[in-house]
Protein backbone atom coordinates (compact mmCIF):
# COMPACT_ATOMS: atom_id res chain seq x y z
CA UNK A 1 5.67 -16.69 9.02
CA UNK A 2 8.76 -15.15 7.75
CA UNK A 3 8.83 -11.40 7.64
CA UNK A 4 9.56 -9.56 4.36
CA UNK A 5 12.40 -7.72 5.92
CA UNK A 6 14.28 -11.07 5.96
CA UNK A 7 12.92 -12.40 2.60
CA UNK A 8 14.82 -9.44 1.24
CA UNK A 9 17.83 -10.43 2.76
CA UNK A 10 17.38 -13.98 0.95
CA UNK A 11 17.24 -12.42 -2.09
CA UNK A 12 20.20 -10.15 -1.32
CA UNK A 13 21.94 -13.44 -0.86
CA UNK A 14 20.86 -15.20 -4.04
CA UNK A 15 21.32 -12.03 -6.37
CA UNK A 16 24.50 -9.61 -6.54
CA UNK A 17 24.07 -5.86 -5.92
CA UNK A 18 24.76 -5.64 -9.37
CA UNK A 19 21.94 -7.92 -10.65
CA UNK A 20 19.42 -6.42 -8.15
CA UNK A 21 20.11 -2.61 -8.99
CA UNK A 22 21.89 -2.51 -12.76
CA UNK A 23 20.90 -3.98 -16.31
CA UNK A 24 23.34 -4.41 -18.78
CA UNK A 25 21.57 -6.49 -21.47
CA UNK A 26 19.83 -4.33 -24.06
CA UNK A 27 17.38 -7.28 -24.40
CA UNK A 28 16.45 -6.99 -20.85
CA UNK A 29 16.60 -3.31 -20.89
CA UNK A 30 14.01 -3.12 -23.62
CA UNK A 31 11.87 -5.56 -21.93
CA UNK A 32 12.19 -4.15 -18.63
CA UNK A 33 11.36 -0.43 -19.70
CA UNK A 34 9.04 -1.06 -22.49
CA UNK A 35 6.25 -1.31 -19.88
CA UNK A 36 7.50 -1.61 -16.41
CA UNK A 37 4.35 -0.72 -14.46
CA UNK A 38 2.48 -3.19 -16.83
CA UNK A 39 4.81 -6.22 -16.27
CA UNK A 40 4.18 -5.54 -12.26
CA UNK A 41 0.28 -4.84 -12.64
CA UNK A 42 0.08 -8.11 -15.08
CA UNK A 43 1.45 -10.38 -12.46
CA UNK A 44 -0.38 -8.94 -9.71
CA UNK A 45 -3.57 -9.27 -12.01
CA UNK A 46 -2.94 -12.65 -12.84
CA UNK A 47 -2.46 -13.91 -9.05
CA UNK A 48 -5.52 -12.01 -7.94
CA UNK A 49 -7.72 -13.39 -10.74
CA UNK A 50 -6.97 -17.06 -9.68
CA UNK A 51 -9.36 -16.59 -6.58
CA UNK A 52 -12.74 -17.66 -6.14
CA UNK A 53 -14.72 -17.92 -3.17
CA UNK A 54 -13.59 -21.26 -2.15
CA UNK A 55 -9.87 -20.01 -2.28
CA UNK A 56 -10.62 -16.86 -0.55
CA UNK A 57 -12.21 -18.44 2.42
CA UNK A 58 -9.27 -21.30 2.39
CA UNK A 59 -6.52 -18.36 2.44
CA UNK A 60 -8.44 -16.05 4.70
CA UNK A 61 -6.53 -14.50 7.66
CA UNK A 62 -6.76 -16.66 10.88
CA UNK A 63 -8.07 -14.06 13.15
CA UNK A 64 -11.24 -13.34 10.29
CA UNK A 65 -14.56 -14.88 10.81
CA UNK A 66 -17.02 -14.86 8.24
CA UNK A 67 -20.95 -15.34 8.56
CA UNK A 68 -23.49 -15.55 5.92
CA UNK A 69 -26.03 -13.21 6.24
CA UNK A 70 -29.80 -14.40 5.26
CA UNK A 71 -30.74 -10.71 4.76
CA UNK A 72 -28.09 -8.04 3.54
CA UNK A 73 -27.39 -5.24 1.44
CA UNK A 74 -25.88 -6.36 -1.94
CA UNK A 75 -22.92 -5.27 -3.50
CA UNK A 76 -24.70 -3.93 -6.46
CA UNK A 77 -27.34 -1.87 -4.49
CA UNK A 78 -24.43 -0.45 -2.16
CA UNK A 79 -21.85 0.25 -5.02
CA UNK A 80 -24.48 1.78 -7.51
CA UNK A 81 -26.06 4.03 -4.42
CA UNK A 82 -22.70 5.18 -3.09
CA UNK A 83 -21.77 6.23 -6.65
CA UNK A 84 -24.70 7.94 -7.25
CA UNK A 85 -24.35 11.91 -8.00
CA UNK A 86 -27.01 12.81 -5.77
CA UNK A 87 -25.75 10.79 -2.68
CA UNK A 88 -22.10 11.65 -3.28
CA UNK A 89 -22.88 15.24 -3.32
CA UNK A 90 -24.94 15.20 -0.16
CA UNK A 91 -22.34 12.75 1.65
CA UNK A 92 -19.45 15.46 0.89
CA UNK A 93 -21.55 18.18 2.08
CA UNK A 94 -21.98 16.56 5.54
CA UNK A 95 -18.68 14.70 5.41
CA UNK A 96 -16.55 17.54 7.05
CA UNK A 97 -18.73 18.28 9.90
CA UNK A 98 -19.72 14.80 10.76
CA UNK A 99 -15.81 13.45 10.50
CA UNK A 100 -14.15 16.48 11.73
CA UNK A 101 -12.71 15.23 14.77
CA UNK A 102 -11.12 12.16 12.91
CA UNK A 103 -9.97 14.31 9.95
CA UNK A 104 -8.27 16.66 12.60
CA UNK A 105 -6.78 13.75 14.68
CA UNK A 106 -5.51 11.81 11.74
CA UNK A 107 -4.57 14.56 9.66
CA UNK A 108 -6.91 13.59 6.48
CA UNK A 109 -5.07 10.46 6.05
CA UNK A 110 -8.31 8.16 5.53
CA UNK A 111 -11.71 8.73 3.98
CA UNK A 112 -13.99 7.58 6.93
CA UNK A 113 -17.46 6.10 7.20
CA UNK A 114 -19.66 4.71 9.71
CA UNK A 115 -18.71 6.63 12.85
CA UNK A 116 -19.94 5.09 16.39
CA UNK A 117 -19.09 6.23 19.95
CA UNK A 118 -19.06 3.74 23.05
CA UNK A 119 -18.27 5.66 26.27
CA UNK A 120 -15.59 8.13 25.72
CA UNK A 121 -14.23 6.17 22.65
CA UNK A 122 -14.95 7.14 19.20
CA UNK A 123 -14.77 4.66 16.34
CA UNK A 124 -14.68 5.08 12.39
CA UNK A 125 -14.02 2.85 9.58
CA UNK A 126 -11.19 4.16 7.68
CA UNK A 127 -9.68 3.50 4.08
CA UNK A 128 -6.64 4.64 2.35
CA UNK A 129 -4.38 3.64 -0.64
CA UNK A 130 -3.09 0.43 1.94
CA UNK A 131 -6.51 -0.72 2.55
CA UNK A 132 -8.95 -0.94 5.26
CA UNK A 133 -8.59 0.38 8.91
CA UNK A 134 -10.44 0.61 12.15
CA UNK A 135 -9.78 4.23 13.57
CA UNK A 136 -10.20 5.11 17.13
CA UNK A 137 -9.87 8.17 19.28
CA UNK A 138 -9.88 7.69 23.06
CA UNK A 139 -8.95 10.42 25.31
CA UNK A 140 -8.10 12.83 22.46
CA UNK A 141 -5.39 10.08 21.34
CA UNK A 142 -5.91 8.50 17.74
CA UNK A 143 -5.15 5.15 16.90
CA UNK A 144 -5.68 3.33 13.60
CA UNK A 145 -5.40 -0.46 13.16
CA UNK A 146 -5.14 -2.39 9.79
CA UNK A 147 -7.66 -4.81 8.81
CA UNK A 148 -5.32 -7.04 6.53
CA UNK A 149 -8.26 -7.85 4.13
CA UNK A 150 -7.18 -7.16 0.45
CA UNK A 151 -9.84 -4.83 -1.08
CA UNK A 152 -8.91 -7.23 -4.17
CA UNK A 153 -11.41 -9.61 -2.56
CA UNK A 154 -13.20 -8.10 0.26
CA UNK A 155 -15.69 -5.16 -0.50
CA UNK A 156 -17.09 -3.57 2.57
CA UNK A 157 -20.26 -1.61 2.34
CA UNK A 158 -20.30 1.94 2.56
CA UNK A 159 -23.50 1.86 4.46
CA UNK A 160 -23.33 -0.47 7.48
CA UNK A 161 -26.81 -0.95 8.47
CA UNK A 162 -25.58 -1.86 12.26
CA UNK A 163 -22.98 -0.57 14.64
CA UNK A 164 -19.44 -1.77 13.25
CA UNK A 165 -18.29 -2.65 16.91
CA UNK A 166 -20.33 -4.93 18.86
CA UNK A 167 -19.53 -7.20 21.97
CA UNK A 168 -15.68 -7.05 21.48
CA UNK A 169 -15.90 -7.50 17.76
CA UNK A 170 -15.28 -5.16 14.65
CA UNK A 171 -18.35 -6.54 12.34
CA UNK A 172 -18.56 -5.24 8.89
CA UNK A 173 -21.01 -6.38 6.14
CA UNK A 174 -20.01 -6.86 2.61
CA UNK A 175 -19.19 -8.99 -0.33
CA UNK A 176 -16.38 -11.09 -2.01
CA UNK A 177 -15.27 -9.51 -4.93
CA UNK A 178 -12.89 -9.76 -8.16
CA UNK A 179 -11.04 -7.06 -9.98
CA UNK A 180 -12.07 -6.29 -13.13
CA UNK A 181 -9.39 -4.42 -15.46
CA UNK A 182 -10.77 -1.38 -17.22
CA UNK A 183 -9.32 -1.14 -20.89
CA UNK A 184 -7.64 1.97 -21.48
CA UNK A 185 -7.64 3.65 -17.93
CA UNK A 186 -4.25 2.08 -16.35
CA UNK A 187 -4.54 2.27 -12.65
CA UNK A 188 -8.31 2.16 -12.47
CA UNK A 189 -9.79 -0.92 -11.49
CA UNK A 190 -13.37 -1.75 -11.02
CA UNK A 191 -14.95 -4.65 -9.20
CA UNK A 192 -17.68 -7.26 -9.39
CA UNK A 193 -19.26 -9.29 -7.20
CA UNK A 194 -18.73 -12.98 -6.61
CA UNK A 195 -20.85 -13.50 -3.50
CA UNK A 196 -22.87 -11.23 -1.63
CA UNK A 197 -24.25 -11.32 1.94
CA UNK A 198 -21.09 -11.83 4.22
CA UNK A 199 -20.14 -10.38 7.85
CA UNK A 200 -16.64 -10.06 8.28
CA UNK A 201 -15.76 -10.14 11.99
CA UNK A 202 -12.59 -9.62 13.82
CA UNK A 203 -12.22 -9.65 17.62
CA UNK A 204 -11.10 -6.45 18.67
CA UNK A 205 -8.40 -8.09 20.97
CA UNK A 206 -6.68 -9.59 17.72
CA UNK A 207 -7.19 -6.38 15.70
CA UNK A 208 -5.16 -3.91 18.33
CA UNK A 209 -2.39 -6.41 19.23
CA UNK A 210 0.77 -4.52 18.99
CA UNK A 211 3.51 -6.97 20.21
CA UNK A 212 6.41 -4.40 19.97
CA UNK A 213 4.45 -1.40 21.14
CA UNK A 214 5.66 0.63 18.32
CA UNK A 215 2.31 2.11 17.08
CA UNK A 216 1.41 -0.51 14.35
CA UNK A 217 -0.75 -3.27 15.02
CA UNK A 218 0.67 -6.76 14.24
CA UNK A 219 -1.55 -7.35 11.54
CA UNK A 220 -0.31 -4.36 9.48
CA UNK A 221 3.66 -4.88 10.03
CA UNK A 222 2.89 -8.59 8.73
CA UNK A 223 0.87 -7.47 5.63
CA UNK A 224 3.81 -5.20 4.99
CA UNK A 225 6.73 -7.06 5.78
CA UNK A 226 7.90 -5.14 9.23
CA UNK A 227 8.82 -7.13 12.14
CA UNK A 228 5.93 -7.13 14.61
CA UNK A 229 8.25 -8.17 17.46
CA UNK A 230 10.65 -5.49 17.08
CA UNK A 231 9.93 -2.09 17.22
CA UNK A 232 13.04 -1.00 15.14
CA UNK A 233 12.74 -3.39 12.19
CA UNK A 234 16.26 -2.00 10.59
CA UNK A 235 18.00 -1.57 13.72
CA UNK A 236 18.77 2.27 12.93
CA UNK A 237 17.68 3.16 16.57
CA UNK A 238 14.28 4.79 15.10
CA UNK A 239 11.09 2.86 16.26
CA UNK A 240 9.05 1.83 12.99
CA UNK A 241 6.29 4.39 13.58
CA UNK A 242 8.56 7.33 13.32
CA UNK A 243 10.86 5.96 10.87
CA UNK A 244 10.35 7.28 7.21
CA UNK A 245 12.30 4.31 5.82
CA UNK A 246 11.45 1.65 8.61
CA UNK A 247 12.55 -1.57 6.49
CA UNK A 248 15.96 -0.51 5.65
CA UNK A 249 18.74 1.77 7.23
CA UNK A 250 19.30 4.83 5.09
CA UNK A 251 22.61 5.41 3.40
CA UNK A 252 24.33 8.42 1.64
CA UNK A 253 25.76 7.47 -1.85
CA UNK A 254 25.41 8.64 -5.63
CA UNK A 255 22.97 6.05 -6.60
CA UNK A 256 20.79 6.31 -3.50
CA UNK A 257 20.76 10.12 -4.21
CA UNK A 258 19.91 9.20 -7.77
CA UNK A 259 16.78 7.40 -6.51
CA UNK A 260 16.01 10.18 -3.82
CA UNK A 261 16.02 12.62 -6.78
CA UNK A 262 13.26 10.86 -8.80
CA UNK A 263 11.10 9.86 -5.76
CA UNK A 264 7.65 11.91 -6.01
CA UNK A 265 7.30 15.40 -5.37
CA UNK A 266 4.64 16.57 -3.27
CA UNK A 267 5.80 20.18 -3.22
CA UNK A 268 5.44 21.98 0.21
CA UNK A 269 3.20 19.30 1.97
CA UNK A 270 4.55 17.96 5.04
CA UNK A 271 3.91 14.12 4.64
CA UNK A 272 6.51 13.12 7.24
CA UNK A 273 4.32 13.37 10.33
CA UNK A 274 1.45 11.26 8.45
CA UNK A 275 2.45 8.09 10.12
CA UNK A 276 -0.39 5.98 8.08
CA UNK A 277 0.62 7.37 4.78
CA UNK A 278 2.95 5.40 2.91
CA UNK A 279 4.48 5.13 -0.83
CA UNK A 280 4.99 1.50 -1.43
CA UNK A 281 7.76 0.69 -4.03
CA UNK A 282 8.47 -2.61 -5.77
CA UNK A 283 12.25 -3.01 -5.88
CA UNK A 284 14.94 -5.43 -4.79
CA UNK A 285 17.82 -2.74 -5.58
CA UNK A 286 19.83 -1.72 -2.45
CA UNK A 287 20.64 1.80 -3.44
CA UNK A 288 16.76 2.46 -3.59
CA UNK A 289 16.31 0.48 -0.11
CA UNK A 290 18.83 3.06 1.33
CA UNK A 291 17.09 6.39 0.65
CA UNK A 292 16.13 9.28 3.19
CA UNK A 293 12.75 10.01 1.85
CA UNK A 294 10.41 13.02 3.07
CA UNK A 295 7.43 10.61 3.57
CA UNK A 296 7.14 7.12 4.67
CA UNK A 297 8.04 4.43 2.30
CA UNK A 298 8.01 0.49 2.37
CA UNK A 299 9.35 -1.92 -0.23
CA UNK A 300 7.84 -4.67 -1.84
CA UNK A 301 10.05 -7.59 -3.52
CA UNK A 302 9.93 -7.65 -7.38
CA UNK A 303 9.26 -11.81 -7.04
CA UNK A 304 5.94 -12.37 -6.07
CA UNK A 305 6.87 -15.56 -4.31
CA UNK A 306 8.96 -13.43 -1.71
CA UNK A 307 5.91 -10.98 -0.98
CA UNK A 308 3.77 -10.99 2.02
CA UNK A 309 0.24 -12.76 1.67
CA UNK A 310 -1.33 -9.46 1.36
CA UNK A 311 0.96 -8.02 -1.21
CA UNK A 312 0.67 -11.02 -3.22
CA UNK A 313 -2.80 -10.10 -4.12
CA UNK A 314 -3.08 -6.29 -3.53
CA UNK A 315 -1.83 -3.32 -5.59
CA UNK A 316 -0.70 -0.85 -3.21
CA UNK A 317 1.98 0.66 -5.21
CA UNK A 318 1.23 3.82 -7.31
CA UNK A 319 4.72 5.01 -8.59
CA UNK A 320 7.88 3.13 -9.35
CA UNK A 321 11.51 3.53 -10.35
CA UNK A 322 13.35 1.10 -12.59
CA UNK A 323 16.78 -0.35 -12.50
CA UNK A 324 19.90 1.82 -13.84
CA UNK A 325 21.70 1.00 -17.14
CA UNK A 326 25.11 2.12 -17.59
CA UNK A 327 26.51 4.13 -20.69
CA UNK A 328 29.11 2.10 -21.91
CA UNK A 329 30.96 5.13 -23.32
CA UNK A 330 30.76 7.60 -20.49
CA UNK A 331 30.99 6.22 -16.79
CA UNK A 332 29.32 9.22 -15.32
CA UNK A 333 26.04 8.71 -17.50
CA UNK A 334 23.26 6.38 -16.89
CA UNK A 335 19.75 5.56 -17.95
CA UNK A 336 16.70 5.01 -15.54
CA UNK A 337 12.89 5.52 -15.88
CA UNK A 338 10.15 6.20 -13.24
CA UNK A 339 6.39 5.85 -13.66
CA UNK A 340 2.98 6.76 -12.26
CA UNK A 341 -0.54 5.34 -12.81
CA UNK A 342 -0.95 7.01 -16.06
CA UNK A 343 2.54 8.41 -16.96
CA UNK A 344 6.01 7.06 -17.58
CA UNK A 345 9.54 9.06 -17.91
CA UNK A 346 12.64 7.74 -19.25
CA UNK A 347 15.87 9.87 -18.15
CA UNK A 348 19.32 10.33 -18.94
CA UNK A 349 21.20 11.02 -15.95
CA UNK A 350 24.94 12.41 -15.27
CA UNK A 351 26.82 12.45 -12.28
CA UNK A 352 28.68 15.79 -12.24
CA UNK A 353 30.21 17.63 -9.41
CA UNK A 354 28.42 15.50 -6.75
CA UNK A 355 25.20 16.06 -8.23
CA UNK A 356 22.91 14.40 -10.99
CA UNK A 357 21.63 16.12 -13.82
CA UNK A 358 18.68 14.59 -15.49
CA UNK A 359 17.42 14.78 -19.01
CA UNK A 360 14.04 13.59 -20.05
CA UNK A 361 14.98 11.02 -22.97
CA UNK A 362 11.20 9.90 -23.67
CA UNK A 363 8.00 8.66 -22.14
CA UNK A 364 4.18 9.13 -22.22
CA UNK A 365 1.17 10.41 -20.25
CA UNK A 366 -2.09 8.97 -20.55
């Protein structure tokens, strides 16, 4: 498998920096900025919707085993009960105490369920914005292992009727699903079952494998384009686990500074030590890639053909920043757009005395 890091290099060779970071045509500008996030989401949904049961099974990861269950908890039953107001209220009342150890060790980076203890090892199933994880606490040390199963296709039951770790395997009951877009609610996805009664099995030996010993399992690194055989993917001297921008070396220039200015701001919250929290951006722009962020970031190519198998079908990007447009009459003024799940803002940006001055030129909030 070619890793995303090298696919970015291929893209870099086929397009100039000007093409990757700037747009000059008014037509392209209008198309690119009219609904930037919608164009990205439409491509993702179009690709994800091509999958039926046969295609999901054909393209499943090699490490995944799928067993058809005769007796099972259906997607409808599990999803309806898990959304029940009464059950949710009871669950949240008990959640903090039940998963106190996991919340403390993982700094609340996951939503946990299905806790299990084997000897001195504690396990729990975890979910975050990137996908599904097996979380482990052994000798007070926390570790999380990414499953690489897209929530676009795999539904894991909230209620697991048997222990999730069994005889050297992670075993999770669930269903095959498809995404249903909800009109009028951008960024919100619903799901529909296409086949119930599945047991998803992954050998623990395969799941925990970390070839370069950087702290991220191989499945995670392959899913998001890092190099599983090199603990320092970008060669900047810092291992991927502690590097806030592990895919590319950070640089200092005015356009990188512009992108840094437009990054989502989470105020005083310190996210730099949350190693399993990432913002994923879809961009081929070198200047964007070279940012020095305050939290962990990863990048996905704009062309779906260059994405990893996981990123082709999984929408993990909640924010975006577009290409830059020059002002033909003033070389210090540029135009750029940033967006989230339910908002979009156009900016006029002037570079003056070594700093960027931003003015809102338009946008919307839903």
